Amino acid sequence: MNAAPNYPAACGLIKGKSVLITAAAGAGIGFAAARRAAEEGARALMLSDVHEKRLEDAVETLKAETGLAAIYGQLCDVSDETQVQALVDAAEQKLGGVDVLINNAGLGTSCRVVDMDDATWQRVLDITLTGTFRMTRAMLRAMQPRGHGVIVNNASVLGWRAQKEQAHYAAAKAGVMALTRCSALEAAEYGVRINAVAPSIAIHAFLKKSAPQALLDSLSAQEAFGRGAEPWEVANVMMFLASDYSSYMTGEVVSVSAQRA
């Protein structure tokens, strides 16, 4: 197994931009993206999550560790349209307009199709796919009149590849990919770009609590480097897609994977 590389120095990729990130509390990709955004020069951040204490801790930690004072937090369940609109309204007001939205909220469980009830199927799709749709719709209503903005969605290689007990999650992430492509064509008319990342496996504390270690070890062993990604390795690609370096990219789904073909 190859060790993870050193944490790369910031390059000011999104200097002066404001960023809104869903599911950004804790130790996963969302929090890593928030940290990288602050390091890469964001002028202001808003984080959302469904866990109040974890969200408060995330905001205070980022303020202390990055030196960026303009970091805000707001509770939001993306399966609730009222909360979604309240989040976007608050971000627009507190950030002075949102330049970048990172749709990171998602829910995954393990269940075979034959054992899955409708509620389990619907819950995963409602958060992972429909939640991304709700956030995108609300944000486009603000971005399109301004004539600029970037949305980065978090999909998954399971939108392309098969894995047992993941039919609901894979279907939702495949939907995120399709939503990315179709909404990007509509948004391009207004100067707004929409892309997605598709990670394979990123190892973080929450995943370790929610998935058996044997499964994580097996999935990591299939990767070319023999390890899962660090959350910041996925966040780095998000920052590229959020930046002007990807100005000609829209409707693209970028695999962040080291999996063997």
C-alpha atoms as a PDB file:
ATOM      1  CA  MET A   1       0.000   0.000   0.000  1.00  0.00           C
ATOM      2  CA  ASN A   2       1.268   3.460  -0.924  1.00  0.00           C
ATOM      3  CA  ALA A   3       1.121   6.132   1.754  1.00  0.00           C
ATOM      4  CA  ALA A   4      -0.960   9.238   1.175  1.00  0.00           C
ATOM      5  CA  PRO A   5       1.036  12.153  -0.258  1.00  0.00           C
ATOM      6  CA  ASN A   6       1.840  15.233   1.740  1.00  0.00           C
ATOM      7  CA  TYR A   7      -0.933  17.790   2.058  1.00  0.00           C
ATOM      8  CA  PRO A   8      -0.367  20.223  -0.833  1.00  0.00           C
ATOM      9  CA  ALA A   9       0.196  23.916  -0.303  1.00  0.00           C
ATOM     10  CA  ALA A  10      -2.608  26.269  -1.287  1.00  0.00           C
ATOM     11  CA  CYS A  11      -2.411  28.173  -4.580  1.00  0.00           C
ATOM     12  CA  GLY A  12      -5.230  30.706  -4.244  1.00  0.00           C
ATOM     13  CA  LEU A  13      -7.476  28.780  -6.623  1.00  0.00           C
ATOM     14  CA  ILE A  14     -10.705  30.428  -5.475  1.00  0.00           C
ATOM     15  CA  LYS A  15      -9.376  33.689  -4.099  1.00  0.00           C
ATOM     16  CA  GLY A  16     -12.147  36.178  -3.424  1.00  0.00           C
ATOM     17  CA  LYS A  17     -15.026  33.729  -3.967  1.00  0.00           C
ATOM     18  CA  SER A  18     -17.804  32.856  -1.526  1.00  0.00           C
ATOM     19  CA  VAL A  19     -18.690  29.213  -0.989  1.00  0.00           C
ATOM     20  CA  LEU A  20     -21.718  27.322   0.350  1.00  0.00           C
ATOM     21  CA  ILE A  21     -21.230  23.642   1.242  1.00  0.00           C
ATOM     22  CA  THR A  22     -23.860  21.126   2.360  1.00  0.00           C
ATOM     23  CA  ALA A  23     -23.092  18.307   4.817  1.00  0.00           C
ATOM     24  CA  ALA A  24     -19.878  20.076   5.775  1.00  0.00           C
ATOM     25  CA  ALA A  25     -19.602  19.212   9.472  1.00  0.00           C
ATOM     26  CA  GLY A  26     -17.592  16.300  10.805  1.00  0.00           C
ATOM     27  CA  ALA A  27     -14.574  14.702   9.191  1.00  0.00           C
ATOM     28  CA  GLY A  28     -15.708  13.849   5.676  1.00  0.00           C
ATOM     29  CA  ILE A  29     -15.379  15.309   2.201  1.00  0.00           C
ATOM     30  CA  GLY A  30     -17.601  18.298   2.995  1.00  0.00           C
ATOM     31  CA  PHE A  31     -15.457  19.453   5.895  1.00  0.00           C
ATOM     32  CA  ALA A  32     -12.285  18.842   3.865  1.00  0.00           C
ATOM     33  CA  ALA A  33     -13.758  20.969   1.072  1.00  0.00           C
ATOM     34  CA  ALA A  34     -14.555  23.745   3.528  1.00  0.00           C
ATOM     35  CA  ARG A  35     -11.007  23.723   4.851  1.00  0.00           C
ATOM     36  CA  ARG A  36      -9.529  23.742   1.368  1.00  0.00           C
ATOM     37  CA  ALA A  37     -11.851  26.534   0.286  1.00  0.00           C
ATOM     38  CA  ALA A  38     -10.653  28.711   3.174  1.00  0.00           C
ATOM     39  CA  GLU A  39      -7.034  27.837   2.420  1.00  0.00           C
ATOM     40  CA  GLU A  40      -7.488  28.497  -1.298  1.00  0.00           C
ATOM     41  CA  GLY A  41      -8.577  32.075  -0.682  1.00  0.00           C
ATOM     42  CA  ALA A  42     -12.347  32.031  -0.242  1.00  0.00           C
ATOM     43  CA  ARG A  43     -13.541  35.352   1.157  1.00  0.00           C
ATOM     44  CA  ALA A  44     -16.461  33.776   3.034  1.00  0.00           C
ATOM     45  CA  LEU A  45     -17.948  30.341   3.709  1.00  0.00           C
ATOM     46  CA  MET A  46     -21.285  28.981   4.839  1.00  0.00           C
ATOM     47  CA  LEU A  47     -21.475  25.390   6.050  1.00  0.00           C
ATOM     48  CA  SER A  48     -24.692  23.457   6.494  1.00  0.00           C
ATOM     49  CA  ASP A  49     -25.437  20.163   8.170  1.00  0.00           C
ATOM     50  CA  VAL A  50     -28.194  18.398  10.105  1.00  0.00           C
ATOM     51  CA  HIS A  51     -26.102  17.974  13.275  1.00  0.00           C
ATOM     52  CA  GLU A  52     -26.153  21.201  15.302  1.00  0.00           C
ATOM     53  CA  LYS A  53     -23.257  20.566  17.701  1.00  0.00           C
ATOM     54  CA  ARG A  54     -21.048  19.091  15.003  1.00  0.00           C
ATOM     55  CA  LEU A  55     -21.796  22.062  12.772  1.00  0.00           C
ATOM     56  CA  GLU A  56     -20.923  24.563  15.502  1.00  0.00           C
ATOM     57  CA  ASP A  57     -17.676  22.724  16.178  1.00  0.00           C
ATOM     58  CA  ALA A  58     -16.803  22.672  12.474  1.00  0.00           C
ATOM     59  CA  VAL A  59     -17.307  26.426  12.122  1.00  0.00           C
ATOM     60  CA  GLU A  60     -15.203  27.236  15.179  1.00  0.00           C
ATOM     61  CA  THR A  61     -12.460  24.792  14.195  1.00  0.00           C
ATOM     62  CA  LEU A  62     -12.159  26.258  10.712  1.00  0.00           C
ATOM     63  CA  LYS A  63     -12.095  29.818  12.029  1.00  0.00           C
ATOM     64  CA  ALA A  64      -9.316  28.941  14.452  1.00  0.00           C
ATOM     65  CA  GLU A  65      -7.230  26.856  12.062  1.00  0.00           C
ATOM     66  CA  THR A  66      -7.553  28.881   8.849  1.00  0.00           C
ATOM     67  CA  GLY A  67      -7.810  32.417  10.224  1.00  0.00           C
ATOM     68  CA  LEU A  68     -10.881  33.152   8.105  1.00  0.00           C
ATOM     69  CA  ALA A  69     -13.436  34.975  10.258  1.00  0.00           C
ATOM     70  CA  ALA A  70     -16.287  35.006   7.721  1.00  0.00           C
ATOM     71  CA  ILE A  71     -17.414  31.410   8.267  1.00  0.00           C
ATOM     72  CA  TYR A  72     -21.060  30.755   9.083  1.00  0.00           C
ATOM     73  CA  GLY A  73     -23.135  27.700   9.848  1.00  0.00           C
ATOM     74  CA  GLN A  74     -26.816  26.927   9.318  1.00  0.00           C
ATOM     75  CA  LEU A  75     -28.775  23.775   9.962  1.00  0.00           C
ATOM     76  CA  CYS A  76     -30.372  22.293   6.862  1.00  0.00           C
ATOM     77  CA  ASP A  77     -31.998  19.004   5.969  1.00  0.00           C
ATOM     78  CA  VAL A  78     -31.881  18.901   2.166  1.00  0.00           C
ATOM     79  CA  SER A  79     -34.947  16.655   2.099  1.00  0.00           C
ATOM     80  CA  ASP A  80     -36.981  19.674   3.309  1.00  0.00           C
ATOM     81  CA  GLU A  81     -37.636  22.333   0.651  1.00  0.00           C
ATOM     82  CA  THR A  82     -38.367  25.012   3.259  1.00  0.00           C
ATOM     83  CA  GLN A  83     -34.995  24.459   4.921  1.00  0.00           C
ATOM     84  CA  VAL A  84     -33.223  24.418   1.561  1.00  0.00           C
ATOM     85  CA  GLN A  85     -34.660  27.768   0.563  1.00  0.00           C
ATOM     86  CA  ALA A  86     -33.878  29.215   3.993  1.00  0.00           C
ATOM     87  CA  LEU A  87     -30.270  28.071   3.660  1.00  0.00           C
ATOM     88  CA  VAL A  88     -29.814  29.612   0.222  1.00  0.00           C
ATOM     89  CA  ASP A  89     -31.482  32.853   1.338  1.00  0.00           C
ATOM     90  CA  ALA A  90     -29.218  33.049   4.410  1.00  0.00           C
ATOM     91  CA  ALA A  91     -26.099  32.293   2.371  1.00  0.00           C
ATOM     92  CA  GLU A  92     -26.991  34.910  -0.217  1.00  0.00           C
ATOM     93  CA  GLN A  93     -27.412  37.490   2.532  1.00  0.00           C
ATOM     94  CA  LYS A  94     -24.451  36.626   4.763  1.00  0.00           C
ATOM     95  CA  LEU A  95     -21.970  35.910   1.963  1.00  0.00           C
ATOM     96  CA  GLY A  96     -23.009  38.823  -0.212  1.00  0.00           C
ATOM     97  CA  GLY A  97     -24.038  36.389  -2.930  1.00  0.00           C
ATOM     98  CA  VAL A  98     -22.892  32.789  -3.394  1.00  0.00           C
ATOM     99  CA  ASP A  99     -20.195  32.231  -6.024  1.00  0.00           C
ATOM    100  CA  VAL A 100     -19.769  28.483  -5.465  1.00  0.00           C
ATOM    101  CA  LEU A 101     -22.176  25.814  -4.236  1.00  0.00           C
ATOM    102  CA  ILE A 102     -20.797  22.398  -3.319  1.00  0.00           C
ATOM    103  CA  ASN A 103     -23.585  19.818  -3.092  1.00  0.00           C
ATOM    104  CA  ASN A 104     -22.084  17.262  -0.742  1.00  0.00           C
ATOM    105  CA  ALA A 105     -25.124  15.978   1.157  1.00  0.00           C
ATOM    106  CA  GLY A 106     -25.872  12.306   0.630  1.00  0.00           C
ATOM    107  CA  LEU A 107     -26.939   9.193   2.484  1.00  0.00           C
ATOM    108  CA  GLY A 108     -25.708   5.647   2.014  1.00  0.00           C
ATOM    109  CA  THR A 109     -26.748   2.399   3.653  1.00  0.00           C
ATOM    110  CA  SER A 110     -26.168  -1.256   2.807  1.00  0.00           C
ATOM    111  CA  CYS A 111     -29.126  -3.434   1.873  1.00  0.00           C
ATOM    112  CA  ARG A 112     -29.890  -6.085  -0.716  1.00  0.00           C
ATOM    113  CA  VAL A 113     -32.666  -5.257  -3.157  1.00  0.00           C
ATOM    114  CA  VAL A 114     -34.787  -8.220  -2.045  1.00  0.00           C
ATOM    115  CA  ASP A 115     -34.692  -6.978   1.554  1.00  0.00           C
ATOM    116  CA  MET A 116     -35.122  -3.260   0.870  1.00  0.00           C
ATOM    117  CA  ASP A 117     -38.396  -1.581   1.781  1.00  0.00           C
ATOM    118  CA  ASP A 118     -39.779   1.467   0.005  1.00  0.00           C
ATOM    119  CA  ALA A 119     -38.899   3.795   2.885  1.00  0.00           C
ATOM    120  CA  THR A 120     -35.204   2.874   2.761  1.00  0.00           C
ATOM    121  CA  TRP A 121     -35.073   3.302  -1.012  1.00  0.00           C
ATOM    122  CA  GLN A 122     -36.924   6.613  -0.899  1.00  0.00           C
ATOM    123  CA  ARG A 123     -34.863   8.067   1.970  1.00  0.00           C
ATOM    124  CA  VAL A 124     -31.561   7.515   0.153  1.00  0.00           C
ATOM    125  CA  LEU A 125     -32.875   8.979  -3.099  1.00  0.00           C
ATOM    126  CA  ASP A 126     -34.579  11.903  -1.380  1.00  0.00           C
ATOM    127  CA  ILE A 127     -31.402  13.084   0.342  1.00  0.00           C
ATOM    128  CA  THR A 128     -28.782  12.082  -2.199  1.00  0.00           C
ATOM    129  CA  LEU A 129     -30.506  12.879  -5.492  1.00  0.00           C
ATOM    130  CA  THR A 130     -33.556  15.018  -4.788  1.00  0.00           C
ATOM    131  CA  GLY A 131     -31.649  17.024  -2.175  1.00  0.00           C
ATOM    132  CA  THR A 132     -29.029  17.852  -4.788  1.00  0.00           C
ATOM    133  CA  PHE A 133     -31.825  18.855  -7.163  1.00  0.00           C
ATOM    134  CA  ARG A 134     -33.458  21.097  -4.534  1.00  0.00           C
ATOM    135  CA  MET A 135     -30.194  22.872  -3.745  1.00  0.00           C
ATOM    136  CA  THR A 136     -29.342  23.267  -7.430  1.00  0.00           C
ATOM    137  CA  ARG A 137     -32.765  24.679  -8.264  1.00  0.00           C
ATOM    138  CA  ALA A 138     -32.673  27.209  -5.420  1.00  0.00           C
ATOM    139  CA  MET A 139     -29.109  28.265  -6.201  1.00  0.00           C
ATOM    140  CA  LEU A 140     -29.690  28.656  -9.930  1.00  0.00           C
ATOM    141  CA  ARG A 141     -32.522  31.053  -9.204  1.00  0.00           C
ATOM    142  CA  ALA A 142     -29.940  33.299  -7.542  1.00  0.00           C
ATOM    143  CA  MET A 143     -26.944  32.649  -9.800  1.00  0.00           C
ATOM    144  CA  GLN A 144     -28.574  32.873 -13.221  1.00  0.00           C
ATOM    145  CA  PRO A 145     -29.721  36.519 -12.947  1.00  0.00           C
ATOM    146  CA  ARG A 146     -26.146  37.453 -11.939  1.00  0.00           C
ATOM    147  CA  GLY A 147     -24.715  35.714 -14.986  1.00  0.00           C
ATOM    148  CA  HIS A 148     -22.079  33.697 -13.136  1.00  0.00           C
ATOM    149  CA  GLY A 149     -21.598  30.978 -10.545  1.00  0.00           C
ATOM    150  CA  VAL A 150     -20.328  27.443 -10.117  1.00  0.00           C
ATOM    151  CA  ILE A 151     -21.988  24.327  -8.710  1.00  0.00           C
ATOM    152  CA  VAL A 152     -19.965  21.225  -7.859  1.00  0.00           C
ATOM    153  CA  ASN A 153     -21.872  18.023  -7.093  1.00  0.00           C
ATOM    154  CA  ASN A 154     -20.560  15.014  -5.214  1.00  0.00           C
ATOM    155  CA  ALA A 155     -21.456  11.878  -7.175  1.00  0.00           C
ATOM    156  CA  SER A 156     -19.727   8.477  -6.889  1.00  0.00           C
ATOM    157  CA  VAL A 157     -18.084   5.881  -9.091  1.00  0.00           C
ATOM    158  CA  LEU A 158     -21.041   3.707  -8.088  1.00  0.00           C
ATOM    159  CA  GLY A 159     -22.995   5.767 -10.589  1.00  0.00           C
ATOM    160  CA  TRP A 160     -21.008   3.785 -13.151  1.00  0.00           C
ATOM    161  CA  ARG A 161     -19.951   0.615 -11.348  1.00  0.00           C
ATOM    162  CA  ALA A 162     -21.886  -2.129  -9.599  1.00  0.00           C
ATOM    163  CA  GLN A 163     -21.597  -3.171  -5.969  1.00  0.00           C
ATOM    164  CA  LYS A 164     -23.784  -5.509  -3.969  1.00  0.00           C
ATOM    165  CA  GLU A 165     -26.147  -3.947  -1.409  1.00  0.00           C
ATOM    166  CA  GLN A 166     -25.764  -0.489  -3.003  1.00  0.00           C
ATOM    167  CA  ALA A 167     -28.567  -0.409  -5.590  1.00  0.00           C
ATOM    168  CA  HIS A 168     -30.328   2.551  -3.932  1.00  0.00           C
ATOM    169  CA  TYR A 169     -27.161   4.596  -3.423  1.00  0.00           C
ATOM    170  CA  ALA A 170     -25.821   3.770  -6.889  1.00  0.00           C
ATOM    171  CA  ALA A 171     -29.138   4.713  -8.487  1.00  0.00           C
ATOM    172  CA  ALA A 172     -29.125   8.019  -6.614  1.00  0.00           C
ATOM    173  CA  LYS A 173     -25.554   8.832  -7.604  1.00  0.00           C
ATOM    174  CA  ALA A 174     -26.208   7.897 -11.241  1.00  0.00           C
ATOM    175  CA  GLY A 175     -29.095  10.341 -11.010  1.00  0.00           C
ATOM    176  CA  VAL A 176     -26.745  13.030  -9.673  1.00  0.00           C
ATOM    177  CA  MET A 177     -24.557  12.486 -12.727  1.00  0.00           C
ATOM    178  CA  ALA A 178     -27.520  12.857 -15.096  1.00  0.00           C
ATOM    179  CA  LEU A 179     -28.786  15.892 -13.186  1.00  0.00           C
ATOM    180  CA  THR A 180     -25.320  17.438 -13.488  1.00  0.00           C
ATOM    181  CA  ARG A 181     -25.181  16.968 -17.246  1.00  0.00           C
ATOM    182  CA  CYS A 182     -28.724  18.180 -17.994  1.00  0.00           C
ATOM    183  CA  SER A 183     -28.805  21.131 -15.608  1.00  0.00           C
ATOM    184  CA  ALA A 184     -25.373  22.232 -16.862  1.00  0.00           C
ATOM    185  CA  LEU A 185     -26.715  22.689 -20.398  1.00  0.00           C
ATOM    186  CA  GLU A 186     -29.553  24.850 -19.103  1.00  0.00           C
ATOM    187  CA  ALA A 187     -27.305  26.883 -16.774  1.00  0.00           C
ATOM    188  CA  ALA A 188     -24.656  27.486 -19.457  1.00  0.00           C
ATOM    189  CA  GLU A 189     -27.032  29.930 -21.166  1.00  0.00           C
ATOM    190  CA  TYR A 190     -26.623  32.138 -18.081  1.00  0.00           C
ATOM    191  CA  GLY A 191     -22.875  31.750 -17.545  1.00  0.00           C
ATOM    192  CA  VAL A 192     -23.225  29.250 -14.690  1.00  0.00           C
ATOM    193  CA  ARG A 193     -21.142  26.057 -14.691  1.00  0.00           C
ATOM    194  CA  ILE A 194     -22.158  22.734 -13.100  1.00  0.00           C
ATOM    195  CA  ASN A 195     -19.790  19.773 -12.755  1.00  0.00           C
ATOM    196  CA  ALA A 196     -19.398  16.791 -10.454  1.00  0.00           C
ATOM    197  CA  VAL A 197     -16.739  14.653  -8.845  1.00  0.00           C
ATOM    198  CA  ALA A 198     -17.148  10.895  -8.605  1.00  0.00           C
ATOM    199  CA  PRO A 199     -14.983   9.504  -5.785  1.00  0.00           C
ATOM    200  CA  SER A 200     -14.422   5.797  -5.344  1.00  0.00           C
ATOM    201  CA  ILE A 201     -13.679   5.502  -1.635  1.00  0.00           C
ATOM    202  CA  ALA A 202     -12.542   8.237   0.740  1.00  0.00           C
ATOM    203  CA  ILE A 203     -11.725   7.078   4.255  1.00  0.00           C
ATOM    204  CA  HIS A 204     -12.903   9.260   7.129  1.00  0.00           C
ATOM    205  CA  ALA A 205     -14.169   8.841  10.681  1.00  0.00           C
ATOM    206  CA  PHE A 206     -17.883   8.711   9.850  1.00  0.00           C
ATOM    207  CA  LEU A 207     -17.357   6.041   7.194  1.00  0.00           C
ATOM    208  CA  LYS A 208     -15.367   3.945   9.650  1.00  0.00           C
ATOM    209  CA  LYS A 209     -18.312   4.073  12.055  1.00  0.00           C
ATOM    210  CA  SER A 210     -20.936   3.225   9.430  1.00  0.00           C
ATOM    211  CA  ALA A 211     -19.208   0.479   7.414  1.00  0.00           C
ATOM    212  CA  PRO A 212     -17.510  -2.766   8.492  1.00  0.00           C
ATOM    213  CA  GLN A 213     -13.731  -2.497   8.560  1.00  0.00           C
ATOM    214  CA  ALA A 214     -13.437  -5.681   6.492  1.00  0.00           C
ATOM    215  CA  LEU A 215     -15.453  -4.057   3.702  1.00  0.00           C
ATOM    216  CA  LEU A 216     -13.377  -0.857   3.820  1.00  0.00           C
ATOM    217  CA  ASP A 217     -10.184  -2.910   3.685  1.00  0.00           C
ATOM    218  CA  SER A 218     -11.488  -4.918   0.716  1.00  0.00           C
ATOM    219  CA  LEU A 219     -12.537  -1.825  -1.233  1.00  0.00           C
ATOM    220  CA  SER A 220      -9.269  -0.041  -0.455  1.00  0.00           C
ATOM    221  CA  ALA A 221      -7.264  -3.050  -1.615  1.00  0.00           C
ATOM    222  CA  GLN A 222      -8.917  -2.801  -5.052  1.00  0.00           C
ATOM    223  CA  GLU A 223      -7.560   0.697  -5.563  1.00  0.00           C
ATOM    224  CA  ALA A 224      -4.399   1.067  -7.639  1.00  0.00           C
ATOM    225  CA  PHE A 225      -2.561   2.686  -4.709  1.00  0.00           C
ATOM    226  CA  GLY A 226      -3.869   0.054  -2.306  1.00  0.00           C
ATOM    227  CA  ARG A 227      -5.591   2.674  -0.157  1.00  0.00           C
ATOM    228  CA  GLY A 228      -8.682   4.809  -0.074  1.00  0.00           C
ATOM    229  CA  ALA A 229      -8.454   8.515  -0.824  1.00  0.00           C
ATOM    230  CA  GLU A 230      -7.962  11.075   1.873  1.00  0.00           C
ATOM    231  CA  PRO A 231     -11.031  13.370   1.969  1.00  0.00           C
ATOM    232  CA  TRP A 232      -8.821  16.327   1.017  1.00  0.00           C
ATOM    233  CA  GLU A 233      -7.742  14.539  -2.160  1.00  0.00           C
ATOM    234  CA  VAL A 234     -11.373  14.680  -3.313  1.00  0.00           C
ATOM    235  CA  ALA A 235     -11.706  18.259  -2.029  1.00  0.00           C
ATOM    236  CA  ASN A 236      -8.715  19.301  -4.142  1.00  0.00           C
ATOM    237  CA  VAL A 237     -10.552  18.309  -7.319  1.00  0.00           C
ATOM    238  CA  MET A 238     -13.637  20.149  -6.105  1.00  0.00           C
ATOM    239  CA  MET A 239     -11.508  23.270  -5.724  1.00  0.00           C
ATOM    240  CA  PHE A 240     -10.241  22.893  -9.285  1.00  0.00           C
ATOM    241  CA  LEU A 241     -13.807  22.607 -10.587  1.00  0.00           C
ATOM    242  CA  ALA A 242     -14.822  25.624  -8.502  1.00  0.00           C
ATOM    243  CA  SER A 243     -11.951  27.677  -9.872  1.00  0.00           C
ATOM    244  CA  ASP A 244     -11.471  29.592 -13.092  1.00  0.00           C
ATOM    245  CA  TYR A 245      -8.926  26.959 -14.164  1.00  0.00           C
ATOM    246  CA  SER A 246     -11.904  24.809 -15.213  1.00  0.00           C
ATOM    247  CA  SER A 247     -13.693  27.651 -17.007  1.00  0.00           C
ATOM    248  CA  TYR A 248     -14.448  25.578 -20.148  1.00  0.00           C
ATOM    249  CA  MET A 249     -15.769  22.570 -18.231  1.00  0.00           C
ATOM    250  CA  THR A 250     -19.474  22.109 -17.602  1.00  0.00           C
ATOM    251  CA  GLY A 251     -21.680  19.029 -17.418  1.00  0.00           C
ATOM    252  CA  GLU A 252     -18.613  16.904 -16.689  1.00  0.00           C
ATOM    253  CA  VAL A 253     -18.283  14.142 -14.095  1.00  0.00           C
ATOM    254  CA  VAL A 254     -14.660  13.783 -13.008  1.00  0.00           C
ATOM    255  CA  SER A 255     -13.669  10.458 -11.501  1.00  0.00           C
ATOM    256  CA  VAL A 256     -11.532  10.851  -8.368  1.00  0.00           C
ATOM    257  CA  SER A 257     -10.436   7.265  -8.255  1.00  0.00           C
ATOM    258  CA  ALA A 258      -7.416   5.031  -8.331  1.00  0.00           C
ATOM    259  CA  GLN A 259      -9.397   1.890  -9.025  1.00  0.00           C
ATOM    260  CA  ARG A 260      -8.105  -0.711 -11.425  1.00  0.00           C
ATOM    261  CA  ALA A 261      -9.965  -0.880 -14.732  1.00  0.00           C
END
